[in-house]
């Protein structure tokens, strides 16, 4: 019994049609729990284009407030060490370059700030795709963060962007009082960074 014949997985074998010891699964086989029929939810794209709205499955069974709370929690865990608490980095107002995470403070290259025009105008599917597949120096995070949480983070990134560039018309009267009488010319500029959480 101690000395029995054994075969390696890719060793040739005359019985199998592919002449290998291990046979490939039949075409179309899907591992249990891995069937992904909702393309926009799992890829962030429709017909090769990034989605501009959250897929319905991202909100399944929760409110927008719950989604954003989950996004904030996951962002703090997985993103803030590079992007900082408010999404700082290069490519926008120079003040955002100082609002980065500890990894960047210790020498990792600056990520782009979420508050530059290019990323404020990017569809939400772009953020999901970058988390899924990575981009430039950012590695893919699909193996770490499930799709539902990636959508929660993408929604939270949109909330961060709005927190720095909210139109005056959307602000409540108490918030307008805190801002004071700000001139119309400076409305498109980010607020005083000292007031940023």
N, C-alpha and C. Protein backbone atom coordinates (compact mmCIF):
# COMPACT_ATOMS: atom_id res chain seq x y z
N UNK A 1 0.82 -1.20 0.00
CA UNK A 1 0.00 0.00 0.00
C UNK A 1 0.87 1.27 0.00
N UNK A 2 2.05 1.15 0.54
CA UNK A 2 2.91 2.33 0.61
C UNK A 2 3.46 2.70 -0.75
N UNK A 3 3.47 1.76 -1.67
CA UNK A 3 4.06 2.02 -2.98
C UNK A 3 3.02 1.76 -4.07
N UNK A 4 2.06 2.69 -4.21
CA UNK A 4 1.00 2.53 -5.20
C UNK A 4 1.27 3.46 -6.39
N UNK A 5 0.74 3.09 -7.55
CA UNK A 5 0.92 3.99 -8.70
C UNK A 5 0.18 5.31 -8.47
N UNK A 6 0.75 6.38 -8.91
CA UNK A 6 0.10 7.68 -8.80
C UNK A 6 0.30 8.44 -10.10
N UNK A 7 -0.58 9.39 -10.33
CA UNK A 7 -0.53 10.17 -11.56
C UNK A 7 -0.55 11.65 -11.22
N UNK A 8 0.22 12.42 -11.94
CA UNK A 8 0.21 13.86 -11.77
C UNK A 8 -0.95 14.44 -12.59
N UNK A 9 -1.50 15.59 -12.17
CA UNK A 9 -2.70 16.13 -12.84
C UNK A 9 -2.56 16.32 -14.35
N UNK A 10 -1.42 16.76 -14.85
CA UNK A 10 -1.28 17.02 -16.28
C UNK A 10 -0.50 15.91 -17.00
N UNK A 11 -0.37 14.81 -16.33
CA UNK A 11 0.33 13.68 -16.95
C UNK A 11 -0.56 13.03 -18.01
N UNK A 12 0.04 12.53 -19.07
CA UNK A 12 -0.73 11.90 -20.16
C UNK A 12 -1.41 10.63 -19.68
N UNK A 13 -2.63 10.40 -20.18
CA UNK A 13 -3.38 9.19 -19.84
C UNK A 13 -4.18 8.77 -21.07
N UNK A 14 -4.17 7.52 -21.42
CA UNK A 14 -4.82 7.09 -22.66
C UNK A 14 -6.34 7.07 -22.61
N UNK A 15 -6.98 7.09 -21.44
CA UNK A 15 -8.43 6.96 -21.34
C UNK A 15 -9.15 8.28 -21.63
N UNK A 16 -8.63 9.37 -21.08
CA UNK A 16 -9.30 10.65 -21.27
C UNK A 16 -9.11 11.15 -22.69
N UNK A 17 -10.12 11.88 -23.19
CA UNK A 17 -10.06 12.36 -24.58
C UNK A 17 -8.93 13.35 -24.77
N UNK A 18 -8.64 14.13 -23.73
CA UNK A 18 -7.56 15.12 -23.84
C UNK A 18 -6.21 14.50 -23.49
N UNK A 19 -6.23 13.20 -23.16
CA UNK A 19 -5.03 12.45 -22.82
C UNK A 19 -4.28 13.05 -21.64
N UNK A 20 -5.02 13.61 -20.70
CA UNK A 20 -4.43 14.12 -19.47
C UNK A 20 -5.15 13.48 -18.28
N UNK A 21 -4.46 13.40 -17.16
CA UNK A 21 -5.06 12.80 -15.97
C UNK A 21 -6.22 13.65 -15.43
N UNK A 22 -6.14 14.95 -15.55
CA UNK A 22 -7.23 15.79 -15.06
C UNK A 22 -8.02 16.28 -16.26
N UNK A 23 -9.30 16.18 -16.17
CA UNK A 23 -10.18 16.59 -17.26
C UNK A 23 -10.75 17.98 -16.95
N UNK A 24 -10.90 18.81 -17.95
CA UNK A 24 -11.48 20.14 -17.77
C UNK A 24 -12.97 20.00 -17.47
N UNK A 25 -13.55 20.93 -16.70
CA UNK A 25 -15.00 20.86 -16.47
C UNK A 25 -15.76 21.05 -17.78
N UNK A 26 -16.97 20.50 -17.87
CA UNK A 26 -17.75 20.67 -19.09
C UNK A 26 -17.97 22.15 -19.41
N UNK A 27 -18.09 22.50 -20.69
CA UNK A 27 -18.31 23.87 -21.13
C UNK A 27 -19.57 24.43 -20.48
N UNK A 28 -19.48 25.65 -19.98
CA UNK A 28 -20.62 26.31 -19.36
C UNK A 28 -20.77 26.03 -17.87
N UNK A 29 -19.86 25.24 -17.30
CA UNK A 29 -19.92 24.95 -15.87
C UNK A 29 -19.63 26.21 -15.07
N UNK A 30 -20.44 26.49 -14.07
CA UNK A 30 -20.26 27.66 -13.21
C UNK A 30 -20.17 27.17 -11.77
N UNK A 31 -19.15 27.62 -11.06
CA UNK A 31 -19.00 27.23 -9.66
C UNK A 31 -20.18 27.75 -8.85
N UNK A 32 -20.61 26.97 -7.89
CA UNK A 32 -21.75 27.36 -7.05
C UNK A 32 -21.51 28.72 -6.42
N UNK A 33 -22.48 29.60 -6.54
CA UNK A 33 -22.38 30.94 -5.98
C UNK A 33 -21.60 31.92 -6.84
N UNK A 34 -21.17 31.53 -8.02
CA UNK A 34 -20.35 32.39 -8.87
C UNK A 34 -21.05 32.86 -10.14
N UNK A 35 -22.32 32.51 -10.34
CA UNK A 35 -23.04 32.92 -11.54
C UNK A 35 -23.31 34.43 -11.46
N UNK A 36 -22.88 35.17 -12.45
CA UNK A 36 -22.97 36.62 -12.43
C UNK A 36 -23.75 37.10 -13.66
N UNK A 37 -25.07 37.09 -13.55
CA UNK A 37 -25.92 37.47 -14.68
C UNK A 37 -26.14 38.98 -14.78
N UNK A 38 -25.97 39.70 -13.68
CA UNK A 38 -26.20 41.14 -13.66
C UNK A 38 -24.92 41.87 -14.07
N UNK A 39 -24.73 42.05 -15.37
CA UNK A 39 -23.51 42.67 -15.90
C UNK A 39 -23.17 44.01 -15.28
N UNK A 40 -24.12 44.96 -15.24
CA UNK A 40 -23.78 46.27 -14.65
C UNK A 40 -23.32 46.18 -13.19
N UNK A 41 -23.92 45.28 -12.42
CA UNK A 41 -23.54 45.15 -11.01
C UNK A 41 -22.14 44.56 -10.86
N UNK A 42 -21.79 43.58 -11.68
CA UNK A 42 -20.50 42.90 -11.53
C UNK A 42 -19.36 43.51 -12.33
N UNK A 43 -19.68 44.33 -13.34
CA UNK A 43 -18.62 44.92 -14.16
C UNK A 43 -18.60 46.44 -14.13
N UNK A 44 -19.72 47.07 -13.77
CA UNK A 44 -19.79 48.53 -13.81
C UNK A 44 -19.99 49.07 -15.21
N UNK A 45 -20.34 48.18 -16.15
CA UNK A 45 -20.47 48.59 -17.55
C UNK A 45 -21.74 48.03 -18.19
N UNK A 46 -22.22 48.75 -19.20
CA UNK A 46 -23.29 48.28 -20.08
C UNK A 46 -22.81 48.53 -21.50
N UNK A 47 -22.79 47.50 -22.29
CA UNK A 47 -22.31 47.58 -23.68
C UNK A 47 -20.93 48.22 -23.78
N UNK A 48 -20.06 47.90 -22.82
CA UNK A 48 -18.70 48.41 -22.84
C UNK A 48 -18.52 49.82 -22.30
N UNK A 49 -19.61 50.48 -21.90
CA UNK A 49 -19.54 51.85 -21.36
C UNK A 49 -19.82 51.82 -19.86
N UNK A 50 -19.10 52.66 -19.11
CA UNK A 50 -19.33 52.73 -17.66
C UNK A 50 -20.75 53.19 -17.37
N UNK A 51 -21.35 52.60 -16.33
CA UNK A 51 -22.70 53.01 -15.92
C UNK A 51 -22.60 54.36 -15.22
N UNK A 52 -23.63 55.17 -15.37
CA UNK A 52 -23.63 56.49 -14.74
C UNK A 52 -24.52 56.52 -13.49
N UNK A 53 -25.27 55.46 -13.26
CA UNK A 53 -26.14 55.36 -12.08
C UNK A 53 -25.79 54.07 -11.33
N UNK A 54 -26.09 54.06 -10.04
CA UNK A 54 -25.91 52.84 -9.26
C UNK A 54 -26.82 51.74 -9.81
N UNK A 55 -26.32 50.53 -10.00
CA UNK A 55 -27.21 49.44 -10.39
C UNK A 55 -28.20 49.14 -9.26
N UNK A 56 -29.38 48.68 -9.63
CA UNK A 56 -30.41 48.38 -8.62
C UNK A 56 -29.91 47.41 -7.57
N UNK A 57 -29.12 46.43 -7.99
CA UNK A 57 -28.63 45.41 -7.06
C UNK A 57 -27.73 46.00 -5.98
N UNK A 58 -27.13 47.16 -6.23
CA UNK A 58 -26.25 47.78 -5.23
C UNK A 58 -27.05 48.25 -4.01
N UNK A 59 -28.30 48.59 -4.22
CA UNK A 59 -29.15 49.05 -3.12
C UNK A 59 -30.04 47.94 -2.56
N UNK A 60 -29.93 46.75 -3.09
CA UNK A 60 -30.84 45.65 -2.71
C UNK A 60 -30.93 45.50 -1.20
N UNK A 61 -32.13 45.74 -0.69
CA UNK A 61 -32.40 45.53 0.73
C UNK A 61 -31.85 46.59 1.67
N UNK A 62 -31.39 47.72 1.16
CA UNK A 62 -30.90 48.77 2.05
C UNK A 62 -31.21 50.15 1.48
N UNK A 63 -31.24 51.12 2.36
CA UNK A 63 -31.50 52.49 1.95
C UNK A 63 -30.20 53.13 1.47
N UNK A 64 -30.32 54.29 0.85
CA UNK A 64 -29.12 55.01 0.42
C UNK A 64 -28.26 55.39 1.62
N UNK A 65 -28.89 55.76 2.73
CA UNK A 65 -28.13 56.11 3.94
C UNK A 65 -27.34 54.91 4.44
N UNK A 66 -27.92 53.72 4.40
CA UNK A 66 -27.22 52.52 4.82
C UNK A 66 -26.08 52.19 3.86
N UNK A 67 -26.32 52.38 2.56
CA UNK A 67 -25.27 52.15 1.56
C UNK A 67 -24.09 53.09 1.79
N UNK A 68 -24.38 54.36 2.03
CA UNK A 68 -23.30 55.33 2.26
C UNK A 68 -22.56 55.06 3.57
N UNK A 69 -23.27 54.63 4.59
CA UNK A 69 -22.62 54.29 5.86
C UNK A 69 -21.67 53.11 5.66
N UNK A 70 -22.13 52.11 4.91
CA UNK A 70 -21.26 50.96 4.61
C UNK A 70 -20.08 51.41 3.75
N UNK A 71 -20.34 52.29 2.79
CA UNK A 71 -19.28 52.80 1.94
C UNK A 71 -18.23 53.56 2.73
N UNK A 72 -18.66 54.36 3.68
CA UNK A 72 -17.72 55.10 4.51
C UNK A 72 -16.85 54.14 5.33
N UNK A 73 -17.49 53.12 5.90
CA UNK A 73 -16.75 52.14 6.69
C UNK A 73 -15.71 51.40 5.82
N UNK A 74 -16.13 50.94 4.66
CA UNK A 74 -15.22 50.20 3.77
C UNK A 74 -14.14 51.12 3.19
N UNK A 75 -14.51 52.37 2.88
CA UNK A 75 -13.53 53.34 2.38
C UNK A 75 -12.44 53.57 3.42
N UNK A 76 -12.84 53.73 4.67
CA UNK A 76 -11.87 53.94 5.74
C UNK A 76 -10.91 52.77 5.84
N UNK A 77 -11.43 51.56 5.68
CA UNK A 77 -10.59 50.36 5.79
C UNK A 77 -9.69 50.17 4.58
N UNK A 78 -10.24 50.28 3.37
CA UNK A 78 -9.51 49.88 2.17
C UNK A 78 -8.90 51.03 1.36
N UNK A 79 -9.36 52.26 1.55
CA UNK A 79 -8.95 53.35 0.65
C UNK A 79 -8.21 54.50 1.34
N UNK A 80 -8.58 54.79 2.58
CA UNK A 80 -8.07 56.01 3.22
C UNK A 80 -6.56 55.96 3.47
N UNK A 81 -5.95 54.79 3.54
CA UNK A 81 -4.51 54.74 3.78
C UNK A 81 -3.73 55.36 2.63
N UNK A 82 -4.30 55.42 1.42
CA UNK A 82 -3.65 56.12 0.29
C UNK A 82 -4.37 57.44 -0.03
N UNK A 83 -5.70 57.38 -0.15
CA UNK A 83 -6.47 58.52 -0.62
C UNK A 83 -6.83 59.51 0.48
N UNK A 84 -6.56 59.20 1.72
CA UNK A 84 -6.90 60.09 2.81
C UNK A 84 -8.39 60.08 3.10
N UNK A 85 -8.80 60.80 4.13
CA UNK A 85 -10.20 60.80 4.56
C UNK A 85 -11.15 61.50 3.59
N UNK A 86 -10.63 62.48 2.83
CA UNK A 86 -11.51 63.21 1.91
C UNK A 86 -11.15 63.02 0.44
N UNK A 87 -10.26 62.09 0.15
CA UNK A 87 -9.91 61.82 -1.25
C UNK A 87 -8.89 62.78 -1.81
N UNK A 88 -7.86 63.09 -1.03
CA UNK A 88 -6.83 64.01 -1.48
C UNK A 88 -5.90 63.38 -2.50
N UNK A 89 -5.00 64.19 -3.02
CA UNK A 89 -4.04 63.71 -4.00
C UNK A 89 -3.74 64.77 -5.03
N UNK A 90 -3.10 64.38 -6.11
CA UNK A 90 -2.66 65.33 -7.12
C UNK A 90 -3.73 65.55 -8.19
N UNK A 91 -3.57 66.61 -8.96
CA UNK A 91 -4.45 66.86 -10.09
C UNK A 91 -5.54 67.86 -9.84
N UNK A 92 -5.60 68.42 -8.67
CA UNK A 92 -6.62 69.41 -8.36
C UNK A 92 -5.99 70.58 -7.62
N UNK A 93 -6.75 71.19 -6.75
CA UNK A 93 -6.25 72.28 -5.93
C UNK A 93 -5.05 71.77 -5.12
N UNK A 94 -3.96 72.53 -5.05
CA UNK A 94 -2.76 72.06 -4.33
C UNK A 94 -3.02 71.68 -2.88
N UNK A 95 -4.05 72.25 -2.27
CA UNK A 95 -4.34 71.91 -0.87
C UNK A 95 -4.72 70.46 -0.70
N UNK A 96 -5.26 69.83 -1.76
CA UNK A 96 -5.64 68.42 -1.66
C UNK A 96 -4.43 67.49 -1.61
N UNK A 97 -3.28 67.97 -2.06
CA UNK A 97 -2.08 67.13 -2.06
C UNK A 97 -1.63 66.80 -0.64
N UNK A 98 -2.03 67.61 0.33
CA UNK A 98 -1.66 67.37 1.72
C UNK A 98 -2.64 66.44 2.41
N UNK A 99 -3.80 66.19 1.81
CA UNK A 99 -4.84 65.40 2.45
C UNK A 99 -4.83 63.96 1.96
N UNK A 100 -3.71 63.31 2.11
CA UNK A 100 -3.55 61.94 1.66
C UNK A 100 -3.35 61.03 2.86
N UNK A 101 -3.33 59.74 2.61
CA UNK A 101 -3.18 58.77 3.68
C UNK A 101 -1.73 58.54 4.09
N UNK A 102 -1.58 57.74 5.12
CA UNK A 102 -0.27 57.49 5.71
C UNK A 102 0.70 56.83 4.73
N UNK A 103 0.20 55.95 3.87
CA UNK A 103 1.08 55.27 2.91
C UNK A 103 1.74 56.29 1.99
N UNK A 104 0.99 57.28 1.56
CA UNK A 104 1.53 58.32 0.68
C UNK A 104 2.48 59.23 1.45
N UNK A 105 2.13 59.53 2.69
CA UNK A 105 3.02 60.36 3.51
C UNK A 105 4.38 59.70 3.70
N UNK A 106 4.42 58.38 3.60
CA UNK A 106 5.68 57.65 3.79
C UNK A 106 6.39 57.34 2.47
N UNK A 107 5.94 57.94 1.36
CA UNK A 107 6.69 57.83 0.13
C UNK A 107 6.00 57.19 -1.06
N UNK A 108 4.83 56.59 -0.88
CA UNK A 108 4.12 56.03 -2.03
C UNK A 108 3.65 57.18 -2.92
N UNK A 109 3.66 57.02 -4.24
CA UNK A 109 3.28 58.13 -5.13
C UNK A 109 1.85 58.63 -4.86
N UNK A 110 1.66 59.92 -5.07
CA UNK A 110 0.35 60.54 -4.86
C UNK A 110 -0.69 59.94 -5.79
N UNK A 111 -1.85 59.58 -5.25
CA UNK A 111 -2.95 59.18 -6.13
C UNK A 111 -3.61 60.45 -6.67
N UNK A 112 -4.44 60.34 -7.69
CA UNK A 112 -5.17 61.54 -8.13
C UNK A 112 -6.26 61.88 -7.11
N UNK A 113 -6.49 63.17 -6.93
CA UNK A 113 -7.56 63.57 -6.03
C UNK A 113 -8.91 63.29 -6.67
N UNK A 114 -9.87 62.91 -5.86
CA UNK A 114 -11.24 62.69 -6.35
C UNK A 114 -11.90 64.01 -6.74
N UNK A 115 -11.29 65.13 -6.35
CA UNK A 115 -11.93 66.43 -6.50
C UNK A 115 -11.47 67.19 -7.73
N UNK A 116 -10.75 66.55 -8.63
CA UNK A 116 -10.42 67.20 -9.89
C UNK A 116 -11.61 67.05 -10.84
N UNK A 117 -11.71 67.98 -11.78
CA UNK A 117 -12.86 67.99 -12.70
C UNK A 117 -13.03 66.65 -13.43
N UNK A 118 -11.93 66.07 -13.89
CA UNK A 118 -12.01 64.82 -14.64
C UNK A 118 -12.72 63.72 -13.85
N UNK A 119 -12.42 63.59 -12.56
CA UNK A 119 -13.02 62.52 -11.76
C UNK A 119 -14.39 62.90 -11.23
N UNK A 120 -14.65 64.19 -11.05
CA UNK A 120 -16.00 64.60 -10.63
C UNK A 120 -16.99 64.35 -11.76
N UNK A 121 -16.53 64.39 -13.01
CA UNK A 121 -17.41 64.17 -14.15
C UNK A 121 -17.41 62.72 -14.62
N UNK A 122 -16.54 61.89 -14.08
CA UNK A 122 -16.47 60.48 -14.49
C UNK A 122 -17.72 59.74 -14.02
N UNK A 123 -18.23 58.80 -14.81
CA UNK A 123 -19.38 58.02 -14.36
C UNK A 123 -19.01 57.15 -13.16
N UNK A 124 -19.99 56.83 -12.34
CA UNK A 124 -19.73 56.06 -11.13
C UNK A 124 -19.15 54.68 -11.44
N UNK A 125 -19.47 54.14 -12.61
CA UNK A 125 -18.91 52.86 -13.01
C UNK A 125 -17.40 52.88 -13.13
N UNK A 126 -16.84 54.06 -13.41
CA UNK A 126 -15.37 54.21 -13.49
C UNK A 126 -14.73 53.83 -12.15
N UNK A 127 -15.28 54.33 -11.05
CA UNK A 127 -14.72 54.06 -9.73
C UNK A 127 -14.83 52.58 -9.39
N UNK A 128 -15.97 51.98 -9.72
CA UNK A 128 -16.15 50.54 -9.51
C UNK A 128 -15.12 49.76 -10.31
N UNK A 129 -14.91 50.15 -11.57
CA UNK A 129 -13.96 49.45 -12.43
C UNK A 129 -12.53 49.58 -11.91
N UNK A 130 -12.15 50.75 -11.44
CA UNK A 130 -10.80 50.95 -10.92
C UNK A 130 -10.58 50.10 -9.67
N UNK A 131 -11.59 50.04 -8.80
CA UNK A 131 -11.45 49.17 -7.62
C UNK A 131 -11.36 47.70 -8.03
N UNK A 132 -12.10 47.33 -9.06
CA UNK A 132 -12.13 45.94 -9.50
C UNK A 132 -10.84 45.54 -10.19
N UNK A 133 -10.39 46.33 -11.15
CA UNK A 133 -9.27 45.95 -12.02
C UNK A 133 -7.97 46.69 -11.75
N UNK A 134 -8.02 47.73 -10.92
CA UNK A 134 -6.84 48.54 -10.68
C UNK A 134 -6.60 49.52 -11.83
N UNK A 135 -5.73 50.48 -11.61
CA UNK A 135 -5.38 51.46 -12.63
C UNK A 135 -4.06 52.09 -12.23
N UNK A 136 -3.13 52.17 -13.16
CA UNK A 136 -1.79 52.73 -12.90
C UNK A 136 -1.17 52.01 -11.71
N UNK A 137 -0.84 52.75 -10.65
CA UNK A 137 -0.18 52.11 -9.49
C UNK A 137 -1.17 51.46 -8.52
N UNK A 138 -2.45 51.73 -8.69
CA UNK A 138 -3.43 51.13 -7.78
C UNK A 138 -3.69 49.68 -8.19
N UNK A 139 -3.45 48.74 -7.28
CA UNK A 139 -3.69 47.34 -7.63
C UNK A 139 -5.19 47.02 -7.62
N UNK A 140 -5.60 45.94 -8.28
CA UNK A 140 -7.00 45.53 -8.22
C UNK A 140 -7.38 45.11 -6.80
N UNK A 141 -8.62 45.43 -6.43
CA UNK A 141 -9.10 45.08 -5.10
C UNK A 141 -10.29 44.11 -5.15
N UNK A 142 -10.58 43.54 -6.32
CA UNK A 142 -11.74 42.65 -6.44
C UNK A 142 -11.62 41.44 -5.52
N UNK A 143 -10.42 40.96 -5.29
CA UNK A 143 -10.25 39.79 -4.43
C UNK A 143 -10.44 40.13 -2.95
N UNK A 144 -10.35 41.42 -2.60
CA UNK A 144 -10.51 41.87 -1.22
C UNK A 144 -11.91 42.37 -0.90
N UNK A 145 -12.53 43.03 -1.88
CA UNK A 145 -13.78 43.74 -1.63
C UNK A 145 -14.87 43.17 -2.52
N UNK A 146 -15.94 42.61 -1.94
CA UNK A 146 -17.03 42.07 -2.77
C UNK A 146 -17.73 43.18 -3.56
N UNK A 147 -18.42 42.83 -4.65
CA UNK A 147 -19.05 43.84 -5.51
C UNK A 147 -19.98 44.80 -4.77
N UNK A 148 -20.78 44.31 -3.86
CA UNK A 148 -21.70 45.19 -3.12
C UNK A 148 -20.96 46.26 -2.34
N UNK A 149 -19.84 45.89 -1.76
CA UNK A 149 -19.04 46.87 -1.01
C UNK A 149 -18.30 47.83 -1.95
N UNK A 150 -17.90 47.34 -3.13
CA UNK A 150 -17.26 48.25 -4.10
C UNK A 150 -18.26 49.32 -4.54
N UNK A 151 -19.52 48.94 -4.73
CA UNK A 151 -20.53 49.94 -5.09
C UNK A 151 -20.78 50.90 -3.93
N UNK A 152 -20.75 50.38 -2.70
CA UNK A 152 -20.93 51.26 -1.54
C UNK A 152 -19.79 52.28 -1.46
N UNK A 153 -18.56 51.84 -1.73
CA UNK A 153 -17.42 52.76 -1.73
C UNK A 153 -17.56 53.78 -2.86
N UNK A 154 -17.97 53.33 -4.04
CA UNK A 154 -18.14 54.25 -5.17
C UNK A 154 -19.18 55.32 -4.84
N UNK A 155 -20.27 54.91 -4.19
CA UNK A 155 -21.30 55.88 -3.78
C UNK A 155 -20.73 56.85 -2.74
N UNK A 156 -19.92 56.33 -1.84
CA UNK A 156 -19.31 57.20 -0.83
C UNK A 156 -18.31 58.18 -1.46
N UNK A 157 -17.58 57.74 -2.47
CA UNK A 157 -16.67 58.65 -3.18
C UNK A 157 -17.47 59.80 -3.79
N UNK A 158 -18.64 59.48 -4.36
CA UNK A 158 -19.51 60.55 -4.89
C UNK A 158 -19.93 61.50 -3.78
N UNK A 159 -20.22 60.97 -2.60
CA UNK A 159 -20.59 61.82 -1.46
C UNK A 159 -19.41 62.70 -1.05
N UNK A 160 -18.19 62.15 -1.06
CA UNK A 160 -17.00 62.96 -0.77
C UNK A 160 -16.85 64.09 -1.78
N UNK A 161 -17.06 63.76 -3.05
CA UNK A 161 -16.95 64.79 -4.08
C UNK A 161 -17.98 65.89 -3.86
N UNK A 162 -19.20 65.50 -3.54
CA UNK A 162 -20.25 66.48 -3.29
C UNK A 162 -19.94 67.30 -2.03
N UNK A 163 -19.29 66.68 -1.05
CA UNK A 163 -18.98 67.41 0.19
C UNK A 163 -18.03 68.57 -0.06
N UNK A 164 -17.22 68.50 -1.10
CA UNK A 164 -16.26 69.56 -1.38
C UNK A 164 -16.74 70.53 -2.45
N UNK A 165 -17.71 70.12 -3.25
CA UNK A 165 -18.18 70.96 -4.36
C UNK A 165 -19.70 70.96 -4.46
N UNK A 166 -20.38 71.09 -3.35
CA UNK A 166 -21.84 71.11 -3.36
C UNK A 166 -22.35 72.44 -3.92
N UNK A 167 -23.30 72.40 -4.85
CA UNK A 167 -23.90 73.66 -5.33
C UNK A 167 -24.62 74.36 -4.19
N UNK A 168 -24.51 75.67 -4.17
CA UNK A 168 -25.16 76.44 -3.10
C UNK A 168 -26.65 76.16 -3.00
N UNK A 169 -27.28 75.91 -4.14
CA UNK A 169 -28.73 75.68 -4.14
C UNK A 169 -29.12 74.43 -3.35
N UNK A 170 -28.19 73.50 -3.18
CA UNK A 170 -28.49 72.26 -2.45
C UNK A 170 -28.23 72.37 -0.96
N UNK A 171 -27.62 73.46 -0.52
CA UNK A 171 -27.27 73.60 0.89
C UNK A 171 -28.46 74.05 1.72
N UNK A 172 -28.55 73.53 2.93
CA UNK A 172 -29.60 73.93 3.88
C UNK A 172 -29.24 75.30 4.45
N UNK A 173 -30.24 76.06 4.91
CA UNK A 173 -29.97 77.39 5.48
C UNK A 173 -28.90 77.41 6.57
N UNK A 174 -28.88 76.43 7.52
CA UNK A 174 -27.80 76.48 8.52
C UNK A 174 -26.40 76.34 7.90
N UNK A 175 -26.30 75.53 6.84
CA UNK A 175 -25.00 75.38 6.17
C UNK A 175 -24.61 76.66 5.47
N UNK A 176 -25.57 77.33 4.86
CA UNK A 176 -25.28 78.60 4.20
C UNK A 176 -24.80 79.64 5.21
N UNK A 177 -25.39 79.62 6.42
CA UNK A 177 -24.97 80.56 7.46
C UNK A 177 -23.52 80.29 7.88
N UNK A 178 -23.15 79.00 7.95
CA UNK A 178 -21.77 78.67 8.32
C UNK A 178 -20.78 79.16 7.28
N UNK A 179 -21.19 79.10 6.01
CA UNK A 179 -20.31 79.57 4.94
C UNK A 179 -20.21 81.08 4.89
N UNK A 180 -21.25 81.75 5.37
CA UNK A 180 -21.25 83.20 5.32
C UNK A 180 -21.56 83.67 3.91
N UNK A 181 -21.37 84.93 3.67
CA UNK A 181 -21.65 85.51 2.35
C UNK A 181 -20.43 85.31 1.46
N UNK A 182 -20.36 84.17 0.83
CA UNK A 182 -19.23 83.86 -0.05
C UNK A 182 -19.51 84.46 -1.43
N UNK A 183 -18.55 85.15 -2.04
CA UNK A 183 -18.76 85.75 -3.35
C UNK A 183 -19.06 84.68 -4.40
N UNK A 184 -19.85 85.04 -5.40
CA UNK A 184 -20.26 84.10 -6.45
C UNK A 184 -19.05 83.56 -7.21
N UNK A 185 -18.00 84.36 -7.37
CA UNK A 185 -16.83 83.94 -8.15
C UNK A 185 -16.10 82.77 -7.51
N UNK A 186 -16.22 82.60 -6.18
CA UNK A 186 -15.46 81.54 -5.51
C UNK A 186 -16.31 80.29 -5.28
N UNK A 187 -17.51 80.23 -5.81
CA UNK A 187 -18.37 79.06 -5.57
C UNK A 187 -17.82 77.78 -6.15
N UNK A 188 -17.09 77.85 -7.23
CA UNK A 188 -16.56 76.63 -7.83
C UNK A 188 -15.27 76.17 -7.17
N UNK A 189 -14.71 76.99 -6.27
CA UNK A 189 -13.49 76.60 -5.57
C UNK A 189 -13.82 75.73 -4.38
N UNK A 190 -12.92 74.86 -3.97
CA UNK A 190 -13.19 74.05 -2.79
C UNK A 190 -13.23 74.94 -1.56
N UNK A 191 -13.99 74.53 -0.54
CA UNK A 191 -14.05 75.33 0.68
C UNK A 191 -12.73 75.32 1.42
N UNK A 192 -12.64 76.15 2.46
CA UNK A 192 -11.45 76.22 3.27
C UNK A 192 -11.12 74.82 3.79
N UNK A 193 -9.90 74.37 3.54
CA UNK A 193 -9.52 73.01 3.89
C UNK A 193 -9.48 72.80 5.40
N UNK A 194 -9.32 73.86 6.16
CA UNK A 194 -9.31 73.71 7.60
C UNK A 194 -10.66 73.24 8.12
N UNK A 195 -11.72 73.53 7.37
CA UNK A 195 -13.06 73.14 7.79
C UNK A 195 -13.42 71.73 7.34
N UNK A 196 -12.55 71.10 6.55
CA UNK A 196 -12.83 69.77 6.04
C UNK A 196 -12.65 68.75 7.13
N UNK A 197 -13.62 67.79 7.26
CA UNK A 197 -13.49 66.77 8.31
C UNK A 197 -12.32 65.85 8.06
